[in-house]
Amino acid sequence: MKRNLVMKVMTLALGMLTFLATTTAASACIWGLYQPEEPKSLREK
């Protein structure tokens, strides 16, 4: 019984942390927090 409860809590925590990581990574570019430098080969002269 105790193991079953621990597994449910761990699964829930893992799901929430995965969702948080995905949301943060996807939205960083939208908010302007992460702007990668454009490679020199792609820059217009």
PDB file of N, CA and C in Angstrom:
ATOM      1  N   MET A   1       0.837  -1.201   0.000  1.00  0.00           N
ATOM      2  CA  MET A   1       0.000   0.000   0.000  1.00  0.00           C
ATOM      3  C   MET A   1       0.874   1.254   0.000  1.00  0.00           C
ATOM      4  N   LYS A   2       1.901   1.265   0.854  1.00  0.00           N
ATOM      5  CA  LYS A   2       2.771   2.437   0.939  1.00  0.00           C
ATOM      6  C   LYS A   2       3.524   2.642  -0.383  1.00  0.00           C
ATOM      7  N   ARG A   3       3.973   1.543  -0.977  1.00  0.00           N
ATOM      8  CA  ARG A   3       4.702   1.625  -2.251  1.00  0.00           C
ATOM      9  C   ARG A   3       3.792   2.171  -3.351  1.00  0.00           C
ATOM     10  N   ASN A   4       2.537   1.778  -3.348  1.00  0.00           N
ATOM     11  CA  ASN A   4       1.581   2.234  -4.353  1.00  0.00           C
ATOM     12  C   ASN A   4       1.376   3.746  -4.241  1.00  0.00           C
ATOM     13  N   LEU A   5       1.269   4.241  -3.032  1.00  0.00           N
ATOM     14  CA  LEU A   5       1.086   5.682  -2.807  1.00  0.00           C
ATOM     15  C   LEU A   5       2.327   6.461  -3.240  1.00  0.00           C
ATOM     16  N   VAL A   6       3.495   5.922  -2.914  1.00  0.00           N
ATOM     17  CA  VAL A   6       4.751   6.578  -3.308  1.00  0.00           C
ATOM     18  C   VAL A   6       4.862   6.647  -4.831  1.00  0.00           C
ATOM     19  N   MET A   7       4.485   5.574  -5.503  1.00  0.00           N
ATOM     20  CA  MET A   7       4.552   5.556  -6.969  1.00  0.00           C
ATOM     21  C   MET A   7       3.584   6.576  -7.578  1.00  0.00           C
ATOM     22  N   LYS A   8       2.408   6.718  -7.012  1.00  0.00           N
ATOM     23  CA  LYS A   8       1.445   7.700  -7.520  1.00  0.00           C
ATOM     24  C   LYS A   8       1.954   9.121  -7.323  1.00  0.00           C
ATOM     25  N   VAL A   9       2.534   9.390  -6.165  1.00  0.00           N
ATOM     26  CA  VAL A   9       3.070  10.727  -5.889  1.00  0.00           C
ATOM     27  C   VAL A   9       4.242  11.028  -6.815  1.00  0.00           C
ATOM     28  N   MET A  10       5.123  10.050  -7.005  1.00  0.00           N
ATOM     29  CA  MET A  10       6.273  10.249  -7.889  1.00  0.00           C
ATOM     30  C   MET A  10       5.825  10.473  -9.336  1.00  0.00           C
ATOM     31  N   THR A  11       4.826   9.737  -9.786  1.00  0.00           N
ATOM     32  CA  THR A  11       4.311   9.899 -11.143  1.00  0.00           C
ATOM     33  C   THR A  11       3.700  11.280 -11.323  1.00  0.00           C
ATOM     34  N   LEU A  12       2.946  11.729 -10.356  1.00  0.00           N
ATOM     35  CA  LEU A  12       2.337  13.053 -10.418  1.00  0.00           C
ATOM     36  C   LEU A  12       3.404  14.141 -10.425  1.00  0.00           C
ATOM     37  N   ALA A  13       4.403  14.014  -9.554  1.00  0.00           N
ATOM     38  CA  ALA A  13       5.483  15.002  -9.492  1.00  0.00           C
ATOM     39  C   ALA A  13       6.264  15.036 -10.801  1.00  0.00           C
ATOM     40  N   LEU A  14       6.552  13.872 -11.355  1.00  0.00           N
ATOM     41  CA  LEU A  14       7.291  13.803 -12.618  1.00  0.00           C
ATOM     42  C   LEU A  14       6.501  14.441 -13.749  1.00  0.00           C
ATOM     43  N   GLY A  15       5.210  14.199 -13.790  1.00  0.00           N
ATOM     44  CA  GLY A  15       4.370  14.808 -14.818  1.00  0.00           C
ATOM     45  C   GLY A  15       4.320  16.321 -14.695  1.00  0.00           C
ATOM     46  N   MET A  16       4.197  16.807 -13.477  1.00  0.00           N
ATOM     47  CA  MET A  16       4.138  18.260 -13.264  1.00  0.00           C
ATOM     48  C   MET A  16       5.466  18.920 -13.622  1.00  0.00           C
ATOM     49  N   LEU A  17       6.575  18.302 -13.221  1.00  0.00           N
ATOM     50  CA  LEU A  17       7.886  18.877 -13.540  1.00  0.00           C
ATOM     51  C   LEU A  17       8.178  18.839 -15.039  1.00  0.00           C
ATOM     52  N   THR A  18       7.759  17.787 -15.708  1.00  0.00           N
ATOM     53  CA  THR A  18       7.935  17.706 -17.157  1.00  0.00           C
ATOM     54  C   THR A  18       7.118  18.790 -17.854  1.00  0.00           C
ATOM     55  N   PHE A  19       5.893  18.976 -17.417  1.00  0.00           N
ATOM     56  CA  PHE A  19       5.051  20.031 -17.988  1.00  0.00           C
ATOM     57  C   PHE A  19       5.670  21.410 -17.755  1.00  0.00           C
ATOM     58  N   LEU A  20       6.164  21.653 -16.555  1.00  0.00           N
ATOM     59  CA  LEU A  20       6.789  22.937 -16.235  1.00  0.00           C
ATOM     60  C   LEU A  20       8.033  23.175 -17.096  1.00  0.00           C
ATOM     61  N   ALA A  21       8.857  22.152 -17.260  1.00  0.00           N
ATOM     62  CA  ALA A  21      10.070  22.301 -18.073  1.00  0.00           C
ATOM     63  C   ALA A  21       9.733  22.567 -19.531  1.00  0.00           C
ATOM     64  N   THR A  22       8.750  21.865 -20.062  1.00  0.00           N
ATOM     65  CA  THR A  22       8.348  22.065 -21.456  1.00  0.00           C
ATOM     66  C   THR A  22       7.769  23.450 -21.663  1.00  0.00           C
ATOM     67  N   THR A  23       6.924  23.891 -20.764  1.00  0.00           N
ATOM     68  CA  THR A  23       6.312  25.216 -20.870  1.00  0.00           C
ATOM     69  C   THR A  23       7.359  26.320 -20.782  1.00  0.00           C
ATOM     70  N   THR A  24       8.280  26.170 -19.855  1.00  0.00           N
ATOM     71  CA  THR A  24       9.325  27.181 -19.688  1.00  0.00           C
ATOM     72  C   THR A  24      10.225  27.247 -20.914  1.00  0.00           C
ATOM     73  N   ALA A  25      10.620  26.113 -21.436  1.00  0.00           N
ATOM     74  CA  ALA A  25      11.508  26.089 -22.604  1.00  0.00           C
ATOM     75  C   ALA A  25      10.815  26.639 -23.841  1.00  0.00           C
ATOM     76  N   ALA A  26       9.547  26.324 -24.019  1.00  0.00           N
ATOM     77  CA  ALA A  26       8.827  26.774 -25.207  1.00  0.00           C
ATOM     78  C   ALA A  26       8.498  28.252 -25.145  1.00  0.00           C
ATOM     79  N   SER A  27       8.283  28.780 -23.969  1.00  0.00           N
ATOM     80  CA  SER A  27       7.853  30.166 -23.867  1.00  0.00           C
ATOM     81  C   SER A  27       9.007  31.142 -23.697  1.00  0.00           C
ATOM     82  N   ALA A  28      10.213  30.656 -23.472  1.00  0.00           N
ATOM     83  CA  ALA A  28      11.347  31.560 -23.263  1.00  0.00           C
ATOM     84  C   ALA A  28      11.616  32.391 -24.510  1.00  0.00           C
ATOM     85  N   CYS A  29      11.495  31.800 -25.681  1.00  0.00           N
ATOM     86  CA  CYS A  29      11.743  32.544 -26.915  1.00  0.00           C
ATOM     87  C   CYS A  29      10.634  33.556 -27.183  1.00  0.00           C
ATOM     88  N   ILE A  30       9.416  33.213 -26.826  1.00  0.00           N
ATOM     89  CA  ILE A  30       8.285  34.117 -27.056  1.00  0.00           C
ATOM     90  C   ILE A  30       8.414  35.368 -26.198  1.00  0.00           C
ATOM     91  N   TRP A  31       8.821  35.195 -24.955  1.00  0.00           N
ATOM     92  CA  TRP A  31       8.914  36.330 -24.041  1.00  0.00           C
ATOM     93  C   TRP A  31      10.183  37.147 -24.254  1.00  0.00           C
ATOM     94  N   GLY A  32      11.084  36.668 -25.082  1.00  0.00           N
ATOM     95  CA  GLY A  32      12.318  37.401 -25.333  1.00  0.00           C
ATOM     96  C   GLY A  32      13.395  37.154 -24.301  1.00  0.00           C
ATOM     97  N   LEU A  33      13.232  36.153 -23.473  1.00  0.00           N
ATOM     98  CA  LEU A  33      14.241  35.863 -22.461  1.00  0.00           C
ATOM     99  C   LEU A  33      15.439  35.142 -23.055  1.00  0.00           C
ATOM    100  N   TYR A  34      15.211  34.449 -24.140  1.00  0.00           N
ATOM    101  CA  TYR A  34      16.299  33.721 -24.787  1.00  0.00           C
ATOM    102  C   TYR A  34      16.310  34.076 -26.258  1.00  0.00           C
ATOM    103  N   GLN A  35      17.315  34.793 -26.664  1.00  0.00           N
ATOM    104  CA  GLN A  35      17.466  35.164 -28.066  1.00  0.00           C
ATOM    105  C   GLN A  35      18.827  34.665 -28.535  1.00  0.00           C
ATOM    106  N   PRO A  36      18.854  33.545 -29.245  1.00  0.00           N
ATOM    107  CA  PRO A  36      20.139  33.014 -29.703  1.00  0.00           C
ATOM    108  C   PRO A  36      20.775  33.933 -30.743  1.00  0.00           C
ATOM    109  N   GLU A  37      22.082  33.933 -30.788  1.00  0.00           N
ATOM    110  CA  GLU A  37      22.796  34.759 -31.755  1.00  0.00           C
ATOM    111  C   GLU A  37      22.680  34.135 -33.141  1.00  0.00           C
ATOM    112  N   GLU A  38      22.429  34.958 -34.115  1.00  0.00           N
ATOM    113  CA  GLU A  38      22.294  34.480 -35.488  1.00  0.00           C
ATOM    114  C   GLU A  38      23.677  34.096 -36.026  1.00  0.00           C
ATOM    115  N   PRO A  39      23.803  32.920 -36.623  1.00  0.00           N
ATOM    116  CA  PRO A  39      25.090  32.506 -37.173  1.00  0.00           C
ATOM    117  C   PRO A  39      25.559  33.459 -38.279  1.00  0.00           C
ATOM    118  N   LYS A  40      26.846  33.611 -38.406  1.00  0.00           N
ATOM    119  CA  LYS A  40      27.398  34.519 -39.417  1.00  0.00           C
ATOM    120  C   LYS A  40      27.007  34.113 -40.830  1.00  0.00           C
ATOM    121  N   SER A  41      26.869  32.816 -41.070  1.00  0.00           N
ATOM    122  CA  SER A  41      26.529  32.344 -42.420  1.00  0.00           C
ATOM    123  C   SER A  41      25.098  32.717 -42.815  1.00  0.00           C
ATOM    124  N   LEU A  42      24.242  33.025 -41.865  1.00  0.00           N
ATOM    125  CA  LEU A  42      22.856  33.381 -42.173  1.00  0.00           C
ATOM    126  C   LEU A  42      22.599  34.894 -42.208  1.00  0.00           C
ATOM    127  N   ARG A  43      23.568  35.666 -41.776  1.00  0.00           N
ATOM    128  CA  ARG A  43      23.395  37.125 -41.750  1.00  0.00           C
ATOM    129  C   ARG A  43      23.442  37.709 -43.151  1.00  0.00           C
ATOM    130  N   GLU A  44      22.610  38.720 -43.368  1.00  0.00           N
ATOM    131  CA  GLU A  44      22.652  39.435 -44.641  1.00  0.00           C
ATOM    132  C   GLU A  44      23.779  40.463 -44.602  1.00  0.00           C
ATOM    133  N   LYS A  45      24.431  40.638 -45.702  1.00  0.00           N
ATOM    134  CA  LYS A  45      25.565  41.576 -45.748  1.00  0.00           C
ATOM    135  C   LYS A  45      25.134  42.932 -46.212  1.00  0.00           C
TER     136      LYS A  45
END
